[in-house]
Amino acid sequence: MRIARLTNQDLHPTSLLDAQRVIAELVKENALLRDLAFIDGLTELINRTPIIDFLDRELDGAVGHELRAPHNGVQSLAALAVDLVRFKYINDTISHTEGDRVLKHTAQVLKKSIRKKDRAARWGGDEFLVVLENVDDAGVALVVGRILKGIRAFGNGLDARIGGVIWTRSMGTAQPNELIEAADAQERWMKRQGLSGACVMEFKKE
């Protein structure tokens, strides 16, 4: 059996144009699917996968790659677990539309409260995760203050609990899930105590 091999010269120009158009559409659709996979459609924040990847890269760069230029080195990271207070009441009692407005408002507050090199993600439901790079206690306090002020400005009693941990290079290796779980543990403790506001501690490996 002989297999015919077609070249560009064998194809009619119209067919080539059609093929290029199809390829362009496929590339566009693939890019859209990729964005949908990594971007939350409502808040337009990244989701879990890219922020975990970011944490993994930063932690690896801080400890595992001594060849990185000193000015690019990661000396510290802060992980902040942000949970909205009174969101369920607003969403269930006032309206789901108002609940969506709360989530969009929170996303904008987070974006405006952090620097370009930091990351904010929608973790799920009314929970968010913020990662700050090369920041000290004062820097974390500044960001936390901005977030709380911005969220509370929505009104309707909306508030937030922010549990966080600060990791420094001197503490040695750490995994993304360890920082995230430690920050989440601080937030859950606040919830059990009936508190809003923020509780940020130094990261301690179990």
Protein backbone atom coordinates (compact mmCIF):
# COMPACT_ATOMS: atom_id res chain seq x y z
CA MET A 1 0.00 0.00 0.00
CA ARG A 2 1.31 3.42 -0.95
CA ILE A 3 0.71 6.33 1.42
CA ALA A 4 0.35 9.70 -0.25
CA ARG A 5 2.16 12.56 1.46
CA LEU A 6 0.74 16.04 0.94
CA THR A 7 2.83 19.19 1.00
CA ASN A 8 1.83 22.83 1.11
CA GLN A 9 2.18 22.96 -2.65
CA ASP A 10 -0.34 20.14 -3.04
CA LEU A 11 -3.04 22.05 -1.17
CA HIS A 12 -5.25 24.71 -2.67
CA PRO A 13 -4.53 28.18 -1.19
CA THR A 14 -8.12 28.39 0.10
CA SER A 15 -7.61 25.14 1.99
CA LEU A 16 -4.42 26.52 3.52
CA LEU A 17 -6.23 29.63 4.70
CA ASP A 18 -9.01 27.51 6.18
CA ALA A 19 -6.47 25.30 7.95
CA GLN A 20 -4.67 28.31 9.40
CA ARG A 21 -7.97 29.74 10.56
CA VAL A 22 -8.89 26.47 12.27
CA ILE A 23 -5.46 26.26 13.93
CA ALA A 24 -5.77 29.86 15.14
CA GLU A 25 -9.21 29.11 16.60
CA LEU A 26 -7.89 25.98 18.33
CA VAL A 27 -5.00 27.93 19.85
CA LYS A 28 -7.46 30.57 21.08
CA GLU A 29 -9.82 27.94 22.53
CA ASN A 30 -6.94 26.14 24.25
CA ALA A 31 -5.78 29.42 25.80
CA LEU A 32 -9.33 30.08 27.01
CA LEU A 33 -9.60 26.61 28.52
CA ARG A 34 -6.24 27.10 30.24
CA ASP A 35 -7.41 30.41 31.68
CA LEU A 36 -10.68 28.88 32.82
CA ALA A 37 -8.74 26.09 34.52
CA PHE A 38 -6.54 28.50 36.48
CA ILE A 39 -8.70 31.63 36.85
CA ASP A 40 -11.83 31.84 38.97
CA GLY A 41 -14.57 33.08 36.66
CA LEU A 42 -16.38 35.20 39.25
CA THR A 43 -13.52 36.97 41.01
CA GLU A 44 -10.91 36.72 38.22
CA LEU A 45 -8.35 35.63 40.80
CA ILE A 46 -6.12 32.61 40.28
CA ASN A 47 -7.26 29.40 41.94
CA ARG A 48 -5.53 26.79 44.08
CA THR A 49 -3.23 25.23 41.48
CA PRO A 50 -1.21 28.30 40.44
CA ILE A 51 -0.82 29.71 43.95
CA ILE A 52 0.42 26.35 45.24
CA ASP A 53 2.83 26.23 42.29
CA PHE A 54 3.99 29.76 43.15
CA LEU A 55 4.61 28.79 46.77
CA ASP A 56 6.47 25.67 45.68
CA ARG A 57 8.75 27.65 43.35
CA GLU A 58 9.46 30.33 45.94
CA LEU A 59 10.26 27.84 48.70
CA ASP A 60 12.43 25.81 46.35
CA GLY A 61 14.24 28.95 45.20
CA ALA A 62 14.81 30.06 48.78
CA VAL A 63 16.37 26.83 49.99
CA GLY A 64 17.33 24.63 47.08
CA HIS A 65 19.01 26.84 44.50
CA GLU A 66 22.09 28.65 45.80
CA LEU A 67 22.95 29.79 42.27
CA ARG A 68 20.10 32.27 42.23
CA ALA A 69 21.28 35.86 42.22
CA PRO A 70 21.19 37.38 45.73
CA HIS A 71 18.74 40.09 44.67
CA ASN A 72 16.34 37.39 43.44
CA GLY A 73 16.62 35.28 46.57
CA VAL A 74 13.52 34.62 48.64
CA GLN A 75 14.27 35.39 52.28
CA SER A 76 10.74 35.19 53.66
CA LEU A 77 7.17 34.29 52.77
CA ALA A 78 3.88 35.00 54.48
CA ALA A 79 0.77 32.91 53.88
CA LEU A 80 -2.58 34.49 54.82
CA ALA A 81 -5.84 32.52 54.94
CA VAL A 82 -8.72 34.98 54.51
CA ASP A 83 -12.24 33.89 55.45
CA LEU A 84 -15.24 36.21 55.17
CA VAL A 85 -17.44 36.82 58.21
CA ARG A 86 -21.20 37.25 57.67
CA PHE A 87 -20.93 36.21 54.01
CA LYS A 88 -23.41 33.34 54.48
CA TYR A 89 -26.00 35.71 55.94
CA ILE A 90 -25.59 38.18 53.06
CA ASN A 91 -25.63 35.44 50.42
CA ASP A 92 -28.56 33.45 51.83
CA THR A 93 -30.70 36.20 53.36
CA ILE A 94 -30.19 39.25 51.16
CA SER A 95 -29.49 37.57 47.80
CA HIS A 96 -27.01 35.44 45.90
CA THR A 97 -26.40 38.45 43.66
CA GLU A 98 -25.29 40.42 46.70
CA GLY A 99 -23.14 37.46 47.72
CA ASP A 100 -21.43 37.57 44.32
CA ARG A 101 -20.85 41.30 44.81
CA VAL A 102 -19.15 40.54 48.12
CA LEU A 103 -16.79 38.03 46.49
CA LYS A 104 -15.94 40.42 43.65
CA HIS A 105 -15.41 43.25 46.13
CA THR A 106 -13.10 41.08 48.23
CA ALA A 107 -11.07 40.08 45.17
CA GLN A 108 -10.56 43.74 44.25
CA VAL A 109 -9.53 44.56 47.82
CA LEU A 110 -6.94 41.77 47.78
CA LYS A 111 -5.52 42.86 44.43
CA LYS A 112 -5.16 46.46 45.62
CA SER A 113 -3.66 45.45 48.98
CA ILE A 114 -0.69 43.46 47.66
CA ARG A 115 2.34 44.15 45.47
CA LYS A 116 2.81 42.86 41.92
CA LYS A 117 5.20 40.15 43.07
CA ASP A 118 2.69 38.81 45.62
CA ARG A 119 -0.24 36.49 44.88
CA ALA A 120 -3.92 36.33 45.86
CA ALA A 121 -6.18 33.38 45.05
CA ARG A 122 -9.72 32.26 45.63
CA TRP A 123 -9.31 29.10 47.66
CA GLY A 124 -12.98 28.12 47.50
CA GLY A 125 -16.37 29.50 48.54
CA ASP A 126 -15.71 32.61 50.62
CA GLU A 127 -12.12 31.62 51.43
CA PHE A 128 -9.05 33.26 49.91
CA LEU A 129 -5.30 32.75 50.16
CA VAL A 130 -2.65 35.48 49.95
CA VAL A 131 1.09 34.86 49.63
CA LEU A 132 3.54 37.69 50.29
CA GLU A 133 7.19 37.47 49.24
CA ASN A 134 10.13 38.98 51.16
CA VAL A 135 8.07 40.75 53.76
CA ASP A 136 8.68 41.48 57.45
CA ASP A 137 6.24 41.73 60.34
CA ALA A 138 5.52 45.40 59.63
CA GLY A 139 4.87 44.66 55.96
CA VAL A 140 2.45 41.87 56.82
CA ALA A 141 0.63 44.10 59.30
CA LEU A 142 0.29 46.79 56.63
CA VAL A 143 -1.24 44.37 54.10
CA VAL A 144 -3.55 42.81 56.69
CA GLY A 145 -4.75 46.26 57.73
CA ARG A 146 -5.51 47.19 54.13
CA ILE A 147 -7.41 43.96 53.55
CA LEU A 148 -9.56 44.29 56.67
CA LYS A 149 -10.32 47.94 56.02
CA GLY A 150 -11.23 47.26 52.39
CA ILE A 151 -13.48 44.29 53.16
CA ARG A 152 -15.29 46.10 55.98
CA ALA A 153 -15.94 49.04 53.67
CA PHE A 154 -18.50 46.91 51.80
CA GLY A 155 -21.00 47.37 54.61
CA ASN A 156 -23.83 45.04 55.70
CA GLY A 157 -21.64 43.91 58.60
CA LEU A 158 -19.15 42.18 56.30
CA ASP A 159 -15.90 41.36 58.07
CA ALA A 160 -13.04 38.89 57.81
CA ARG A 161 -10.80 36.55 59.75
CA ILE A 162 -7.20 36.40 58.60
CA GLY A 163 -5.00 33.62 59.91
CA GLY A 164 -1.40 33.75 58.82
CA VAL A 165 2.15 32.53 59.24
CA ILE A 166 5.51 34.04 58.35
CA TRP A 167 8.30 31.76 57.15
CA THR A 168 11.93 32.87 56.89
CA ARG A 169 14.83 31.21 55.15
CA SER A 170 16.59 30.59 58.47
CA MET A 171 13.77 28.18 59.43
CA GLY A 172 14.93 25.67 56.80
CA THR A 173 12.82 23.74 54.36
CA ALA A 174 9.04 23.90 54.25
CA GLN A 175 6.36 22.61 51.91
CA PRO A 176 3.52 24.70 50.46
CA ASN A 177 0.88 22.61 52.21
CA GLU A 178 2.61 23.14 55.55
CA LEU A 179 2.40 26.92 55.29
CA ILE A 180 -1.17 26.81 54.00
CA GLU A 181 -2.33 24.43 56.74
CA ALA A 182 -0.59 26.51 59.42
CA ALA A 183 -2.28 29.70 58.19
CA ASP A 184 -5.62 27.92 58.00
CA ALA A 185 -5.14 26.61 61.55
CA GLN A 186 -4.79 30.20 62.79
CA GLU A 187 -7.99 31.18 60.99
CA ARG A 188 -9.90 28.19 62.40
CA TRP A 189 -8.71 29.05 65.91
CA MET A 190 -10.10 32.56 65.49
CA LYS A 191 -13.39 31.11 64.26
CA ARG A 192 -13.69 28.88 67.34
CA GLN A 193 -13.07 31.92 69.53
CA GLY A 194 -15.70 33.94 67.67
CA LEU A 195 -13.12 36.49 66.58
CA SER A 196 -12.68 38.60 63.47
CA GLY A 197 -9.56 40.54 62.53
CA ALA A 198 -6.16 38.89 62.15
CA CYS A 199 -3.82 36.48 63.91
CA VAL A 200 -0.43 36.06 62.24
CA MET A 201 2.28 33.93 63.86
CA GLU A 202 5.80 32.80 63.10
CA PHE A 203 5.75 29.52 61.18
CA LYS A 204 6.73 26.51 63.28
CA LYS A 205 7.18 23.13 61.70
CA GLU A 206 5.32 20.35 63.46
